[in-house]
Amino acid sequence: MGSIAVHEFVSLDGVFEDPSWTADYGFDPEMGEDIGRLTRSSDAILLGRRTFEMFAPAWSQRTAADDPGAPFFNDSPKGVVSSSLDDAAAAATWANSRSLGAYDAERIRQFADGFSGGVYVSGSGSLVRSLLADGLVGSLHLFVYPVVRGTGARLFPDGSAPAQLRLRHHDAYDNGVLHLHYAPA
């Protein structure tokens, strides 16, 4: 199976919802390099419906001149996990997109198996929780911001499936953000 790599921006208390609050910390160039390595090692993108609906208008209009990540996001095959979005709507919304239907671990495995490189996931908290519970995440990259949000959707809310992870690598950036790279234990 192609390895699934997840990238999340989270606060110290685990909030990942609407990460516009990350703008207060700027975007450290080393952080951009680390995220770039993650996308360059991926052949496809996997997203939940809500994240897809946020990413599509933001990325589909960007060019390489606007953002060096634009070709990856726009040209890569994209699978959307959604019970309400069909293939035609996905493709019409953002090029190279298709619906995988409602969450199904076997369908996700088949999607990932279709790529020799990795599959990249950003945001998509509900999807990520399910992927972790089913043992489908090969690497989890948490970019932890030095702020406590107090409220908001958490990546691991009460009742999340237990998981054991092993720290593979860590970085501290000049803007105060920590990059914690975990793999299954």
N, C-alpha and C. Protein backbone atom coordinates (compact mmCIF):
# COMPACT_ATOMS: atom_id res chain seq x y z
N MET A 1 0.84 -1.18 0.00
CA MET A 1 0.00 0.00 0.00
C MET A 1 0.88 1.24 0.00
N GLY A 2 0.48 2.25 -0.75
CA GLY A 2 1.14 3.53 -0.67
C GLY A 2 0.98 4.07 0.74
N SER A 3 2.02 4.63 1.29
CA SER A 3 1.99 5.13 2.66
C SER A 3 1.14 6.39 2.75
N ILE A 4 0.33 6.47 3.79
CA ILE A 4 -0.50 7.65 4.01
C ILE A 4 0.20 8.53 5.04
N ALA A 5 0.47 9.78 4.64
CA ALA A 5 1.13 10.75 5.51
C ALA A 5 0.15 11.88 5.81
N VAL A 6 -0.02 12.17 7.08
CA VAL A 6 -0.96 13.18 7.53
C VAL A 6 -0.18 14.40 8.04
N HIS A 7 -0.68 15.58 7.71
CA HIS A 7 -0.10 16.85 8.15
C HIS A 7 -1.21 17.66 8.80
N GLU A 8 -0.99 18.08 10.04
CA GLU A 8 -1.99 18.86 10.77
C GLU A 8 -1.34 20.04 11.48
N PHE A 9 -2.01 21.18 11.46
CA PHE A 9 -1.65 22.31 12.31
C PHE A 9 -2.54 22.22 13.54
N VAL A 10 -1.94 22.20 14.74
CA VAL A 10 -2.72 22.09 15.97
C VAL A 10 -2.18 23.06 17.02
N SER A 11 -3.06 23.44 17.94
CA SER A 11 -2.66 24.25 19.08
C SER A 11 -2.15 23.31 20.18
N LEU A 12 -1.61 23.88 21.24
CA LEU A 12 -1.13 23.04 22.34
C LEU A 12 -2.24 22.18 22.94
N ASP A 13 -3.48 22.67 22.90
CA ASP A 13 -4.60 21.88 23.42
C ASP A 13 -5.29 21.05 22.34
N GLY A 14 -4.63 20.90 21.18
CA GLY A 14 -5.11 19.97 20.16
C GLY A 14 -6.13 20.50 19.19
N VAL A 15 -6.45 21.80 19.24
CA VAL A 15 -7.44 22.37 18.31
C VAL A 15 -6.82 22.48 16.93
N PHE A 16 -7.55 21.99 15.93
CA PHE A 16 -7.10 22.09 14.55
C PHE A 16 -8.10 22.85 13.68
N GLU A 17 -9.26 23.10 14.23
CA GLU A 17 -10.35 23.74 13.50
C GLU A 17 -9.96 25.14 13.03
N ASP A 18 -10.32 25.47 11.80
CA ASP A 18 -10.10 26.79 11.23
C ASP A 18 -8.73 27.34 11.62
N PRO A 19 -7.67 26.80 11.02
CA PRO A 19 -6.33 27.20 11.46
C PRO A 19 -5.90 28.60 11.01
N SER A 20 -6.85 29.51 10.80
CA SER A 20 -6.47 30.88 10.45
C SER A 20 -5.67 31.52 11.58
N TRP A 21 -5.82 31.03 12.80
CA TRP A 21 -5.06 31.54 13.95
C TRP A 21 -3.56 31.29 13.81
N THR A 22 -3.17 30.41 12.91
CA THR A 22 -1.73 30.14 12.72
C THR A 22 -1.03 31.32 12.07
N ALA A 23 -1.77 32.20 11.39
CA ALA A 23 -1.18 33.35 10.70
C ALA A 23 -0.43 34.27 11.66
N ASP A 24 -0.83 34.29 12.91
CA ASP A 24 -0.17 35.14 13.90
C ASP A 24 1.30 34.77 14.09
N TYR A 25 1.69 33.57 13.68
CA TYR A 25 3.05 33.08 13.90
C TYR A 25 3.92 33.13 12.65
N GLY A 26 3.37 33.57 11.55
CA GLY A 26 4.12 33.60 10.31
C GLY A 26 4.39 32.18 9.82
N PHE A 27 5.02 32.10 8.68
CA PHE A 27 5.31 30.79 8.10
C PHE A 27 6.82 30.66 7.99
N ASP A 28 7.42 29.93 8.91
CA ASP A 28 8.86 29.75 8.95
C ASP A 28 9.32 29.02 7.68
N PRO A 29 10.36 29.51 7.02
CA PRO A 29 10.84 28.85 5.79
C PRO A 29 11.21 27.37 5.99
N GLU A 30 11.76 27.03 7.15
CA GLU A 30 12.10 25.63 7.41
C GLU A 30 10.84 24.77 7.50
N MET A 31 9.79 25.34 8.04
CA MET A 31 8.52 24.63 8.09
C MET A 31 8.01 24.37 6.67
N GLY A 32 8.14 25.38 5.81
CA GLY A 32 7.75 25.21 4.41
C GLY A 32 8.56 24.11 3.74
N GLU A 33 9.85 24.04 4.05
CA GLU A 33 10.69 22.98 3.48
C GLU A 33 10.23 21.61 3.94
N ASP A 34 9.86 21.50 5.22
CA ASP A 34 9.40 20.20 5.74
C ASP A 34 8.08 19.79 5.10
N ILE A 35 7.16 20.73 4.96
CA ILE A 35 5.89 20.40 4.31
C ILE A 35 6.13 20.08 2.84
N GLY A 36 7.05 20.81 2.21
CA GLY A 36 7.40 20.53 0.81
C GLY A 36 7.95 19.12 0.64
N ARG A 37 8.78 18.67 1.57
CA ARG A 37 9.29 17.28 1.50
C ARG A 37 8.15 16.28 1.59
N LEU A 38 7.19 16.60 2.43
CA LEU A 38 6.03 15.72 2.60
C LEU A 38 5.22 15.64 1.31
N THR A 39 4.96 16.76 0.68
CA THR A 39 4.17 16.73 -0.55
C THR A 39 4.97 16.13 -1.70
N ARG A 40 6.27 16.42 -1.77
CA ARG A 40 7.09 15.87 -2.87
C ARG A 40 7.19 14.35 -2.80
N SER A 41 7.04 13.78 -1.62
CA SER A 41 7.10 12.32 -1.51
C SER A 41 5.73 11.67 -1.73
N SER A 42 4.75 12.47 -2.08
CA SER A 42 3.38 11.98 -2.27
C SER A 42 2.97 12.05 -3.73
N ASP A 43 2.18 11.05 -4.14
CA ASP A 43 1.67 11.00 -5.51
C ASP A 43 0.20 11.38 -5.60
N ALA A 44 -0.48 11.47 -4.46
CA ALA A 44 -1.92 11.73 -4.46
C ALA A 44 -2.30 12.43 -3.16
N ILE A 45 -3.52 12.95 -3.15
CA ILE A 45 -4.07 13.65 -1.99
C ILE A 45 -5.37 12.96 -1.59
N LEU A 46 -5.57 12.82 -0.29
CA LEU A 46 -6.79 12.25 0.26
C LEU A 46 -7.37 13.28 1.23
N LEU A 47 -8.65 13.62 1.05
CA LEU A 47 -9.27 14.65 1.88
C LEU A 47 -10.68 14.25 2.27
N GLY A 48 -11.11 14.74 3.42
CA GLY A 48 -12.51 14.66 3.78
C GLY A 48 -13.27 15.73 3.02
N ARG A 49 -14.58 15.61 2.96
CA ARG A 49 -15.39 16.54 2.17
C ARG A 49 -15.24 17.98 2.61
N ARG A 50 -15.32 18.25 3.91
CA ARG A 50 -15.25 19.65 4.37
C ARG A 50 -13.90 20.28 4.01
N THR A 51 -12.81 19.54 4.20
CA THR A 51 -11.50 20.09 3.85
C THR A 51 -11.40 20.27 2.34
N PHE A 52 -11.92 19.31 1.58
CA PHE A 52 -11.94 19.45 0.12
C PHE A 52 -12.67 20.73 -0.28
N GLU A 53 -13.81 20.99 0.34
CA GLU A 53 -14.59 22.17 0.00
C GLU A 53 -13.89 23.47 0.40
N MET A 54 -13.00 23.42 1.38
CA MET A 54 -12.21 24.60 1.75
C MET A 54 -10.98 24.75 0.84
N PHE A 55 -10.33 23.61 0.53
CA PHE A 55 -9.11 23.65 -0.27
C PHE A 55 -9.39 23.98 -1.74
N ALA A 56 -10.44 23.43 -2.29
CA ALA A 56 -10.69 23.57 -3.73
C ALA A 56 -10.70 25.03 -4.19
N PRO A 57 -11.49 25.91 -3.59
CA PRO A 57 -11.46 27.29 -4.08
C PRO A 57 -10.14 28.00 -3.78
N ALA A 58 -9.49 27.62 -2.70
CA ALA A 58 -8.23 28.28 -2.33
C ALA A 58 -7.09 27.87 -3.25
N TRP A 59 -6.97 26.56 -3.54
CA TRP A 59 -5.84 26.07 -4.33
C TRP A 59 -6.08 26.09 -5.83
N SER A 60 -7.29 25.86 -6.27
CA SER A 60 -7.53 25.70 -7.71
C SER A 60 -7.21 26.95 -8.51
N GLN A 61 -7.20 28.09 -7.88
CA GLN A 61 -6.91 29.35 -8.57
C GLN A 61 -5.44 29.75 -8.47
N ARG A 62 -4.66 29.03 -7.66
CA ARG A 62 -3.26 29.38 -7.47
C ARG A 62 -2.39 28.77 -8.55
N THR A 63 -1.34 29.49 -8.87
CA THR A 63 -0.34 29.00 -9.83
C THR A 63 0.98 28.82 -9.09
N ALA A 64 1.95 28.24 -9.76
CA ALA A 64 3.28 28.07 -9.17
C ALA A 64 3.90 29.42 -8.83
N ALA A 65 3.56 30.45 -9.59
CA ALA A 65 4.06 31.79 -9.30
C ALA A 65 3.49 32.31 -7.98
N ASP A 66 2.25 31.92 -7.67
CA ASP A 66 1.61 32.34 -6.42
C ASP A 66 2.15 31.56 -5.23
N ASP A 67 2.35 30.28 -5.43
CA ASP A 67 2.74 29.38 -4.34
C ASP A 67 3.42 28.16 -4.96
N PRO A 68 4.63 27.81 -4.51
CA PRO A 68 5.32 26.66 -5.10
C PRO A 68 4.58 25.33 -4.89
N GLY A 69 3.64 25.29 -3.96
CA GLY A 69 2.87 24.07 -3.72
C GLY A 69 1.69 23.89 -4.66
N ALA A 70 1.35 24.93 -5.41
CA ALA A 70 0.16 24.88 -6.26
C ALA A 70 0.17 23.73 -7.27
N PRO A 71 1.28 23.45 -7.98
CA PRO A 71 1.24 22.33 -8.92
C PRO A 71 0.91 20.99 -8.24
N PHE A 72 1.46 20.75 -7.07
CA PHE A 72 1.15 19.50 -6.37
C PHE A 72 -0.35 19.43 -6.07
N PHE A 73 -0.90 20.47 -5.48
CA PHE A 73 -2.31 20.44 -5.10
C PHE A 73 -3.24 20.39 -6.31
N ASN A 74 -2.89 21.05 -7.38
CA ASN A 74 -3.79 21.11 -8.53
C ASN A 74 -3.62 19.95 -9.50
N ASP A 75 -2.41 19.44 -9.64
CA ASP A 75 -2.16 18.39 -10.64
C ASP A 75 -2.28 16.97 -10.10
N SER A 76 -2.16 16.81 -8.79
CA SER A 76 -2.20 15.46 -8.21
C SER A 76 -3.61 14.89 -8.22
N PRO A 77 -3.72 13.56 -8.35
CA PRO A 77 -5.03 12.92 -8.18
C PRO A 77 -5.50 13.14 -6.74
N LYS A 78 -6.81 13.42 -6.59
CA LYS A 78 -7.37 13.69 -5.28
C LYS A 78 -8.55 12.75 -5.03
N GLY A 79 -8.53 12.08 -3.91
CA GLY A 79 -9.66 11.26 -3.48
C GLY A 79 -10.38 11.98 -2.35
N VAL A 80 -11.70 12.06 -2.45
CA VAL A 80 -12.49 12.74 -1.44
C VAL A 80 -13.39 11.72 -0.76
N VAL A 81 -13.27 11.62 0.55
CA VAL A 81 -14.11 10.71 1.32
C VAL A 81 -15.37 11.47 1.69
N SER A 82 -16.49 11.05 1.08
CA SER A 82 -17.75 11.76 1.30
C SER A 82 -18.92 10.89 0.88
N SER A 83 -19.94 10.87 1.70
CA SER A 83 -21.16 10.14 1.33
C SER A 83 -22.10 11.03 0.52
N SER A 84 -21.80 12.33 0.42
CA SER A 84 -22.71 13.23 -0.27
C SER A 84 -22.15 13.84 -1.56
N LEU A 85 -20.89 13.62 -1.85
CA LEU A 85 -20.27 14.20 -3.04
C LEU A 85 -20.04 13.09 -4.06
N ASP A 86 -20.53 13.29 -5.29
CA ASP A 86 -20.30 12.26 -6.31
C ASP A 86 -19.11 12.64 -7.18
N ASP A 87 -18.69 11.70 -8.03
CA ASP A 87 -17.51 11.92 -8.88
C ASP A 87 -17.64 13.16 -9.76
N ALA A 88 -18.78 13.35 -10.38
CA ALA A 88 -18.96 14.48 -11.29
C ALA A 88 -18.82 15.80 -10.54
N ALA A 89 -19.41 15.89 -9.37
CA ALA A 89 -19.31 17.12 -8.58
C ALA A 89 -17.88 17.35 -8.11
N ALA A 90 -17.19 16.29 -7.71
CA ALA A 90 -15.80 16.42 -7.26
C ALA A 90 -14.93 16.92 -8.40
N ALA A 91 -15.05 16.30 -9.57
CA ALA A 91 -14.24 16.68 -10.73
C ALA A 91 -14.56 18.09 -11.19
N ALA A 92 -15.82 18.48 -11.12
CA ALA A 92 -16.21 19.82 -11.54
C ALA A 92 -15.72 20.89 -10.56
N THR A 93 -15.55 20.50 -9.31
CA THR A 93 -15.12 21.43 -8.27
C THR A 93 -13.62 21.70 -8.33
N TRP A 94 -12.85 20.61 -8.59
CA TRP A 94 -11.38 20.75 -8.58
C TRP A 94 -10.81 19.66 -9.47
N ALA A 95 -9.98 20.03 -10.41
CA ALA A 95 -9.41 19.09 -11.38
C ALA A 95 -8.75 17.91 -10.69
N ASN A 96 -8.85 16.74 -11.33
CA ASN A 96 -8.21 15.51 -10.88
C ASN A 96 -8.78 14.97 -9.57
N SER A 97 -10.04 15.31 -9.28
CA SER A 97 -10.69 14.87 -8.05
C SER A 97 -11.75 13.84 -8.34
N ARG A 98 -11.89 12.91 -7.40
CA ARG A 98 -12.97 11.93 -7.49
C ARG A 98 -13.46 11.58 -6.10
N SER A 99 -14.70 11.18 -6.02
CA SER A 99 -15.29 10.80 -4.75
C SER A 99 -15.00 9.33 -4.48
N LEU A 100 -14.63 9.04 -3.25
CA LEU A 100 -14.43 7.64 -2.83
C LEU A 100 -15.64 7.12 -2.07
N GLY A 101 -16.67 7.93 -1.96
CA GLY A 101 -17.85 7.53 -1.21
C GLY A 101 -17.63 7.70 0.29
N ALA A 102 -18.56 7.16 1.06
CA ALA A 102 -18.45 7.23 2.51
C ALA A 102 -17.20 6.49 2.96
N TYR A 103 -16.75 6.80 4.17
CA TYR A 103 -15.53 6.19 4.68
C TYR A 103 -15.63 4.67 4.67
N ASP A 104 -14.64 4.04 4.07
CA ASP A 104 -14.53 2.59 4.03
C ASP A 104 -13.03 2.28 4.00
N ALA A 105 -12.53 1.64 5.05
CA ALA A 105 -11.09 1.38 5.17
C ALA A 105 -10.54 0.63 3.96
N GLU A 106 -11.28 -0.34 3.45
CA GLU A 106 -10.80 -1.11 2.31
C GLU A 106 -10.72 -0.25 1.05
N ARG A 107 -11.70 0.63 0.86
CA ARG A 107 -11.67 1.53 -0.30
C ARG A 107 -10.48 2.49 -0.20
N ILE A 108 -10.17 2.94 1.02
CA ILE A 108 -9.00 3.81 1.23
C ILE A 108 -7.72 3.04 0.91
N ARG A 109 -7.64 1.79 1.35
CA ARG A 109 -6.46 0.96 1.04
C ARG A 109 -6.30 0.81 -0.48
N GLN A 110 -7.40 0.56 -1.17
CA GLN A 110 -7.34 0.42 -2.63
C GLN A 110 -6.89 1.71 -3.29
N PHE A 111 -7.38 2.83 -2.80
CA PHE A 111 -6.95 4.13 -3.34
C PHE A 111 -5.44 4.30 -3.13
N ALA A 112 -4.97 4.06 -1.92
CA ALA A 112 -3.54 4.23 -1.61
C ALA A 112 -2.69 3.24 -2.40
N ASP A 113 -3.21 2.02 -2.60
CA ASP A 113 -2.46 1.02 -3.37
C ASP A 113 -2.26 1.43 -4.83
N GLY A 114 -3.06 2.35 -5.30
CA GLY A 114 -2.94 2.79 -6.69
C GLY A 114 -1.77 3.72 -6.94
N PHE A 115 -1.01 4.03 -5.90
CA PHE A 115 0.11 4.97 -6.04
C PHE A 115 1.36 4.37 -5.42
N SER A 116 2.45 4.45 -6.17
CA SER A 116 3.70 3.88 -5.67
C SER A 116 4.31 4.76 -4.59
N GLY A 117 4.06 6.05 -4.65
CA GLY A 117 4.54 6.96 -3.63
C GLY A 117 3.49 7.11 -2.55
N GLY A 118 3.61 8.14 -1.76
CA GLY A 118 2.70 8.33 -0.66
C GLY A 118 1.41 9.02 -1.04
N VAL A 119 0.50 9.01 -0.10
CA VAL A 119 -0.77 9.72 -0.21
C VAL A 119 -0.78 10.75 0.92
N TYR A 120 -1.03 11.99 0.58
CA TYR A 120 -0.95 13.12 1.50
C TYR A 120 -2.34 13.50 2.00
N VAL A 121 -2.45 13.72 3.32
CA VAL A 121 -3.69 14.17 3.93
C VAL A 121 -3.38 15.42 4.75
N SER A 122 -4.19 16.45 4.58
CA SER A 122 -4.07 17.66 5.40
C SER A 122 -5.45 17.98 5.95
N GLY A 123 -5.48 18.45 7.19
CA GLY A 123 -6.78 18.75 7.79
C GLY A 123 -7.59 17.46 7.92
N SER A 124 -8.87 17.53 7.57
CA SER A 124 -9.71 16.32 7.48
C SER A 124 -9.72 15.53 8.79
N GLY A 125 -9.98 16.22 9.90
CA GLY A 125 -9.89 15.61 11.22
C GLY A 125 -10.70 14.34 11.40
N SER A 126 -11.95 14.33 10.97
CA SER A 126 -12.77 13.11 11.13
C SER A 126 -12.16 11.96 10.34
N LEU A 127 -11.71 12.25 9.13
CA LEU A 127 -11.07 11.24 8.30
C LEU A 127 -9.79 10.73 8.97
N VAL A 128 -8.98 11.64 9.47
CA VAL A 128 -7.71 11.26 10.11
C VAL A 128 -7.96 10.37 11.32
N ARG A 129 -8.96 10.71 12.13
CA ARG A 129 -9.28 9.87 13.29
C ARG A 129 -9.62 8.45 12.85
N SER A 130 -10.40 8.32 11.78
CA SER A 130 -10.77 6.99 11.28
C SER A 130 -9.55 6.26 10.71
N LEU A 131 -8.72 6.98 9.96
CA LEU A 131 -7.51 6.36 9.40
C LEU A 131 -6.60 5.84 10.51
N LEU A 132 -6.44 6.63 11.57
CA LEU A 132 -5.60 6.19 12.69
C LEU A 132 -6.21 4.96 13.37
N ALA A 133 -7.52 4.99 13.60
CA ALA A 133 -8.19 3.86 14.26
C ALA A 133 -8.05 2.58 13.45
N ASP A 134 -8.00 2.70 12.12
CA ASP A 134 -7.88 1.52 11.26
C ASP A 134 -6.43 1.19 10.90
N GLY A 135 -5.48 1.90 11.50
CA GLY A 135 -4.07 1.61 11.26
C GLY A 135 -3.58 1.95 9.87
N LEU A 136 -4.19 2.94 9.24
CA LEU A 136 -3.84 3.28 7.86
C LEU A 136 -2.83 4.43 7.74
N VAL A 137 -2.53 5.11 8.83
CA VAL A 137 -1.60 6.23 8.78
C VAL A 137 -0.17 5.73 8.95
N GLY A 138 0.66 6.01 7.97
CA GLY A 138 2.07 5.62 8.04
C GLY A 138 2.92 6.64 8.76
N SER A 139 2.56 7.92 8.64
CA SER A 139 3.27 8.96 9.37
C SER A 139 2.32 10.11 9.67
N LEU A 140 2.47 10.64 10.88
CA LEU A 140 1.62 11.73 11.37
C LEU A 140 2.54 12.90 11.68
N HIS A 141 2.34 14.01 10.97
CA HIS A 141 3.16 15.20 11.15
C HIS A 141 2.31 16.27 11.82
N LEU A 142 2.58 16.52 13.09
CA LEU A 142 1.86 17.55 13.83
C LEU A 142 2.73 18.79 13.90
N PHE A 143 2.18 19.92 13.47
CA PHE A 143 2.84 21.21 13.60
C PHE A 143 2.12 21.91 14.74
N VAL A 144 2.77 21.91 15.91
CA VAL A 144 2.13 22.35 17.15
C VAL A 144 2.49 23.81 17.42
N TYR A 145 1.46 24.65 17.48
CA TYR A 145 1.63 26.08 17.69
C TYR A 145 1.58 26.41 19.17
N PRO A 146 2.38 27.40 19.61
CA PRO A 146 2.46 27.72 21.04
C PRO A 146 1.30 28.59 21.52
N VAL A 147 0.12 28.04 21.41
CA VAL A 147 -1.08 28.76 21.80
C VAL A 147 -2.11 27.75 22.32
N VAL A 148 -2.87 28.15 23.30
CA VAL A 148 -4.00 27.36 23.79
C VAL A 148 -5.25 28.05 23.29
N ARG A 149 -6.04 27.36 22.49
CA ARG A 149 -7.25 27.95 21.90
C ARG A 149 -8.43 27.92 22.87
N GLY A 150 -8.49 26.91 23.72
CA GLY A 150 -9.57 26.83 24.69
C GLY A 150 -10.84 26.21 24.14
N THR A 151 -11.20 26.56 22.92
CA THR A 151 -12.39 25.99 22.29
C THR A 151 -12.06 25.65 20.84
N GLY A 152 -12.89 24.81 20.27
CA GLY A 152 -12.72 24.43 18.87
C GLY A 152 -12.57 22.92 18.75
N ALA A 153 -12.76 22.44 17.56
CA ALA A 153 -12.65 21.00 17.30
C ALA A 153 -11.21 20.55 17.53
N ARG A 154 -11.07 19.47 18.26
CA ARG A 154 -9.76 18.93 18.58
C ARG A 154 -9.47 17.71 17.69
N LEU A 155 -8.22 17.55 17.35
CA LEU A 155 -7.84 16.40 16.54
C LEU A 155 -8.16 15.11 17.27
N PHE A 156 -7.92 15.08 18.57
CA PHE A 156 -8.20 13.89 19.38
C PHE A 156 -9.15 14.27 20.52
N PRO A 157 -10.45 14.35 20.23
CA PRO A 157 -11.41 14.69 21.28
C PRO A 157 -11.65 13.51 22.22
N ASP A 158 -12.33 13.78 23.32
CA ASP A 158 -12.71 12.69 24.23
C ASP A 158 -13.42 11.60 23.43
N GLY A 159 -13.09 10.36 23.72
CA GLY A 159 -13.69 9.23 23.03
C GLY A 159 -12.94 8.79 21.79
N SER A 160 -11.82 9.45 21.46
CA SER A 160 -11.02 9.02 20.31
C SER A 160 -10.48 7.63 20.55
N ALA A 161 -10.29 6.89 19.46
CA ALA A 161 -9.73 5.55 19.56
C ALA A 161 -8.30 5.64 20.11
N PRO A 162 -7.96 4.76 21.06
CA PRO A 162 -6.59 4.76 21.56
C PRO A 162 -5.60 4.43 20.44
N ALA A 163 -4.43 5.03 20.51
CA ALA A 163 -3.39 4.77 19.51
C ALA A 163 -2.04 4.95 20.18
N GLN A 164 -1.09 4.12 19.79
CA GLN A 164 0.28 4.29 20.27
C GLN A 164 1.14 4.69 19.09
N LEU A 165 1.91 5.75 19.30
CA LEU A 165 2.75 6.28 18.24
C LEU A 165 4.19 6.36 18.74
N ARG A 166 5.10 6.43 17.79
CA ARG A 166 6.52 6.53 18.11
C ARG A 166 7.05 7.79 17.44
N LEU A 167 7.73 8.64 18.24
CA LEU A 167 8.30 9.85 17.70
C LEU A 167 9.48 9.49 16.80
N ARG A 168 9.41 9.91 15.53
CA ARG A 168 10.47 9.62 14.57
C ARG A 168 11.43 10.79 14.40
N HIS A 169 10.89 12.00 14.52
CA HIS A 169 11.71 13.18 14.28
C HIS A 169 11.00 14.38 14.89
N HIS A 170 11.77 15.39 15.23
CA HIS A 170 11.16 16.63 15.72
C HIS A 170 12.02 17.82 15.33
N ASP A 171 11.37 18.93 15.15
CA ASP A 171 12.03 20.20 14.83
C ASP A 171 11.37 21.30 15.64
N ALA A 172 12.14 22.31 15.96
CA ALA A 172 11.61 23.53 16.57
C ALA A 172 11.97 24.67 15.63
N TYR A 173 10.98 25.44 15.23
CA TYR A 173 11.21 26.53 14.29
C TYR A 173 11.33 27.86 15.05
N ASP A 174 11.90 28.83 14.39
CA ASP A 174 12.11 30.14 15.01
C ASP A 174 10.80 30.84 15.38
N ASN A 175 9.69 30.47 14.75
CA ASN A 175 8.40 31.09 15.07
C ASN A 175 7.71 30.43 16.28
N GLY A 176 8.39 29.47 16.92
CA GLY A 176 7.84 28.82 18.11
C GLY A 176 7.06 27.55 17.83
N VAL A 177 6.88 27.20 16.59
CA VAL A 177 6.13 26.00 16.22
C VAL A 177 7.04 24.78 16.32
N LEU A 178 6.48 23.69 16.82
CA LEU A 178 7.17 22.40 16.86
C LEU A 178 6.62 21.49 15.79
N HIS A 179 7.49 20.79 15.10
CA HIS A 179 7.08 19.75 14.15
C HIS A 179 7.40 18.42 14.80
N LEU A 180 6.36 17.65 15.06
CA LEU A 180 6.49 16.33 15.68
C LEU A 180 6.07 15.29 14.64
N HIS A 181 7.00 14.45 14.22
CA HIS A 181 6.72 13.42 13.22
C HIS A 181 6.61 12.08 13.94
N TYR A 182 5.42 11.50 13.88
CA TYR A 182 5.14 10.22 14.53
C TYR A 182 4.87 9.14 13.50
N ALA A 183 5.17 7.90 13.88
CA ALA A 183 4.83 6.72 13.09
C ALA A 183 4.13 5.76 14.04
N PRO A 184 3.44 4.77 13.50
CA PRO A 184 2.82 3.78 14.39
C PRO A 184 3.89 3.11 15.25
N ALA A 185 3.52 2.82 16.48
CA ALA A 185 4.47 2.17 17.43
C ALA A 185 4.66 0.71 17.06
